[in-house]
Amino acid sequence: MKKSLFSGLGNIISILGVTLTPQDLENVEHITAIICMVVGLLITITCSIVIPFIKWWKKAKQDGKITEEEVEEGANIIKNGLDDVKQTLDDKNKGE
């Protein structure tokens, strides 16, 4: 199934390459770049905020209650994750 999916995708890309004008190809390139940037941002958010927060939540809930120190630790995880995302966006903007 995967082989036929990739084969079909390759055929579609080949057909698009033959039938599209240079302007259309440029538009496809821009759309692809935007999609890649959004996917990269989602991966960064997931790795920087979501996964560490879920790990913190599981660890904090082990004893059945969340203490004030654990809440501060969770807030720091979110703050650090947001800083990572901001740094990633700043690096992307400097590269353009």
C-alpha atoms as a PDB file:
ATOM      1  CA  MET A   1       0.000   0.000   0.000  1.00  0.00           C
ATOM      2  CA  LYS A   2       2.793   2.436   0.902  1.00  0.00           C
ATOM      3  CA  LYS A   3       4.598   1.639  -2.321  1.00  0.00           C
ATOM      4  CA  SER A   4       1.531   2.413  -4.421  1.00  0.00           C
ATOM      5  CA  LEU A   5       0.904   5.605  -2.442  1.00  0.00           C
ATOM      6  CA  PHE A   6       4.424   6.862  -3.071  1.00  0.00           C
ATOM      7  CA  SER A   7       4.209   5.771  -6.699  1.00  0.00           C
ATOM      8  CA  GLY A   8       0.957   7.690  -7.147  1.00  0.00           C
ATOM      9  CA  LEU A   9       2.418  10.740  -5.421  1.00  0.00           C
ATOM     10  CA  GLY A  10       5.446  10.578  -7.706  1.00  0.00           C
ATOM     11  CA  ASN A  11       3.198  10.385 -10.749  1.00  0.00           C
ATOM     12  CA  ILE A  12       1.186  13.398  -9.605  1.00  0.00           C
ATOM     13  CA  ILE A  13       4.356  15.421  -9.048  1.00  0.00           C
ATOM     14  CA  SER A  14       5.642  14.402 -12.489  1.00  0.00           C
ATOM     15  CA  ILE A  15       2.401  15.439 -14.165  1.00  0.00           C
ATOM     16  CA  LEU A  16       2.395  18.761 -12.333  1.00  0.00           C
ATOM     17  CA  GLY A  17       5.964  19.395 -13.418  1.00  0.00           C
ATOM     18  CA  VAL A  18       5.052  18.845 -17.067  1.00  0.00           C
ATOM     19  CA  THR A  19       1.747  20.727 -17.168  1.00  0.00           C
ATOM     20  CA  LEU A  20       2.430  23.721 -14.934  1.00  0.00           C
ATOM     21  CA  THR A  21       3.844  26.984 -16.212  1.00  0.00           C
ATOM     22  CA  PRO A  22       6.920  28.486 -14.538  1.00  0.00           C
ATOM     23  CA  GLN A  23       4.643  30.924 -12.660  1.00  0.00           C
ATOM     24  CA  ASP A  24       2.534  28.023 -11.371  1.00  0.00           C
ATOM     25  CA  LEU A  25       5.647  26.139 -10.305  1.00  0.00           C
ATOM     26  CA  GLU A  26       6.827  29.202  -8.392  1.00  0.00           C
ATOM     27  CA  ASN A  27       3.464  29.374  -6.617  1.00  0.00           C
ATOM     28  CA  VAL A  28       3.673  25.679  -5.721  1.00  0.00           C
ATOM     29  CA  GLU A  29       7.178  26.285  -4.385  1.00  0.00           C
ATOM     30  CA  HIS A  30       5.945  29.146  -2.177  1.00  0.00           C
ATOM     31  CA  ILE A  31       3.032  27.099  -0.877  1.00  0.00           C
ATOM     32  CA  THR A  32       5.363  24.197  -0.104  1.00  0.00           C
ATOM     33  CA  ALA A  33       7.727  26.513   1.771  1.00  0.00           C
ATOM     34  CA  ILE A  34       4.857  27.873   3.863  1.00  0.00           C
ATOM     35  CA  ILE A  35       3.616  24.367   4.651  1.00  0.00           C
ATOM     36  CA  CYS A  36       7.114  23.276   5.675  1.00  0.00           C
ATOM     37  CA  MET A  37       7.500  26.329   7.901  1.00  0.00           C
ATOM     38  CA  VAL A  38       4.164  25.660   9.627  1.00  0.00           C
ATOM     39  CA  VAL A  39       4.989  21.982  10.130  1.00  0.00           C
ATOM     40  CA  GLY A  40       8.385  22.946  11.551  1.00  0.00           C
ATOM     41  CA  LEU A  41       6.735  25.389  13.944  1.00  0.00           C
ATOM     42  CA  LEU A  42       4.287  22.710  15.094  1.00  0.00           C
ATOM     43  CA  ILE A  43       7.157  20.281  15.680  1.00  0.00           C
ATOM     44  CA  THR A  44       9.017  22.939  17.676  1.00  0.00           C
ATOM     45  CA  ILE A  45       5.942  23.684  19.796  1.00  0.00           C
ATOM     46  CA  THR A  46       5.348  19.984  20.397  1.00  0.00           C
ATOM     47  CA  CYS A  47       8.954  19.297  21.387  1.00  0.00           C
ATOM     48  CA  SER A  48       9.415  22.468  23.433  1.00  0.00           C
ATOM     49  CA  ILE A  49       6.093  22.753  25.253  1.00  0.00           C
ATOM     50  CA  VAL A  50       3.658  19.867  24.824  1.00  0.00           C
ATOM     51  CA  ILE A  51       5.895  16.863  25.514  1.00  0.00           C
ATOM     52  CA  PRO A  52       7.712  18.390  28.528  1.00  0.00           C
ATOM     53  CA  PHE A  53       4.371  19.588  29.953  1.00  0.00           C
ATOM     54  CA  ILE A  54       2.787  16.126  29.601  1.00  0.00           C
ATOM     55  CA  LYS A  55       5.806  14.550  31.305  1.00  0.00           C
ATOM     56  CA  TRP A  56       5.553  17.124  34.109  1.00  0.00           C
ATOM     57  CA  TRP A  57       1.808  16.534  34.472  1.00  0.00           C
ATOM     58  CA  LYS A  58       2.235  12.757  34.801  1.00  0.00           C
ATOM     59  CA  LYS A  59       5.012  13.170  37.368  1.00  0.00           C
ATOM     60  CA  ALA A  60       3.078  15.802  39.327  1.00  0.00           C
ATOM     61  CA  LYS A  61      -0.124  13.720  39.436  1.00  0.00           C
ATOM     62  CA  GLN A  62       1.593  10.560  40.720  1.00  0.00           C
ATOM     63  CA  ASP A  63       0.830  11.402  44.360  1.00  0.00           C
ATOM     64  CA  GLY A  64      -2.704  12.565  43.538  1.00  0.00           C
ATOM     65  CA  LYS A  65      -2.223  16.281  44.080  1.00  0.00           C
ATOM     66  CA  ILE A  66      -0.145  19.057  42.592  1.00  0.00           C
ATOM     67  CA  THR A  67       1.820  21.206  45.029  1.00  0.00           C
ATOM     68  CA  GLU A  68       2.702  24.869  44.650  1.00  0.00           C
ATOM     69  CA  GLU A  69       6.311  23.972  43.795  1.00  0.00           C
ATOM     70  CA  GLU A  70       5.094  21.642  41.055  1.00  0.00           C
ATOM     71  CA  VAL A  71       2.880  24.400  39.647  1.00  0.00           C
ATOM     72  CA  GLU A  72       5.901  26.718  39.514  1.00  0.00           C
ATOM     73  CA  GLU A  73       7.886  23.981  37.784  1.00  0.00           C
ATOM     74  CA  GLY A  74       5.077  23.556  35.216  1.00  0.00           C
ATOM     75  CA  ALA A  75       4.956  27.314  34.632  1.00  0.00           C
ATOM     76  CA  ASN A  76       8.723  27.327  34.089  1.00  0.00           C
ATOM     77  CA  ILE A  77       8.382  24.490  31.555  1.00  0.00           C
ATOM     78  CA  ILE A  78       5.828  26.515  29.600  1.00  0.00           C
ATOM     79  CA  LYS A  79       7.918  29.708  29.853  1.00  0.00           C
ATOM     80  CA  ASN A  80      11.072  27.930  28.664  1.00  0.00           C
ATOM     81  CA  GLY A  81       9.147  26.296  25.838  1.00  0.00           C
ATOM     82  CA  LEU A  82       7.755  29.648  24.704  1.00  0.00           C
ATOM     83  CA  ASP A  83      11.270  31.096  24.825  1.00  0.00           C
ATOM     84  CA  ASP A  84      12.480  28.229  22.608  1.00  0.00           C
ATOM     85  CA  VAL A  85       9.666  28.850  20.120  1.00  0.00           C
ATOM     86  CA  LYS A  86      10.404  32.591  20.104  1.00  0.00           C
ATOM     87  CA  GLN A  87      14.109  31.900  19.537  1.00  0.00           C
ATOM     88  CA  THR A  88      13.262  29.547  16.664  1.00  0.00           C
ATOM     89  CA  LEU A  89      11.041  32.185  15.050  1.00  0.00           C
ATOM     90  CA  ASP A  90      13.735  34.842  15.502  1.00  0.00           C
ATOM     91  CA  ASP A  91      16.298  32.547  13.887  1.00  0.00           C
ATOM     92  CA  LYS A  92      13.931  31.942  10.962  1.00  0.00           C
ATOM     93  CA  ASN A  93      13.382  35.696  10.509  1.00  0.00           C
ATOM     94  CA  LYS A  94      17.127  36.398  10.560  1.00  0.00           C
ATOM     95  CA  GLY A  95      17.653  33.735   7.894  1.00  0.00           C
ATOM     96  CA  GLU A  96      15.202  35.371   5.452  1.00  0.00           C
END
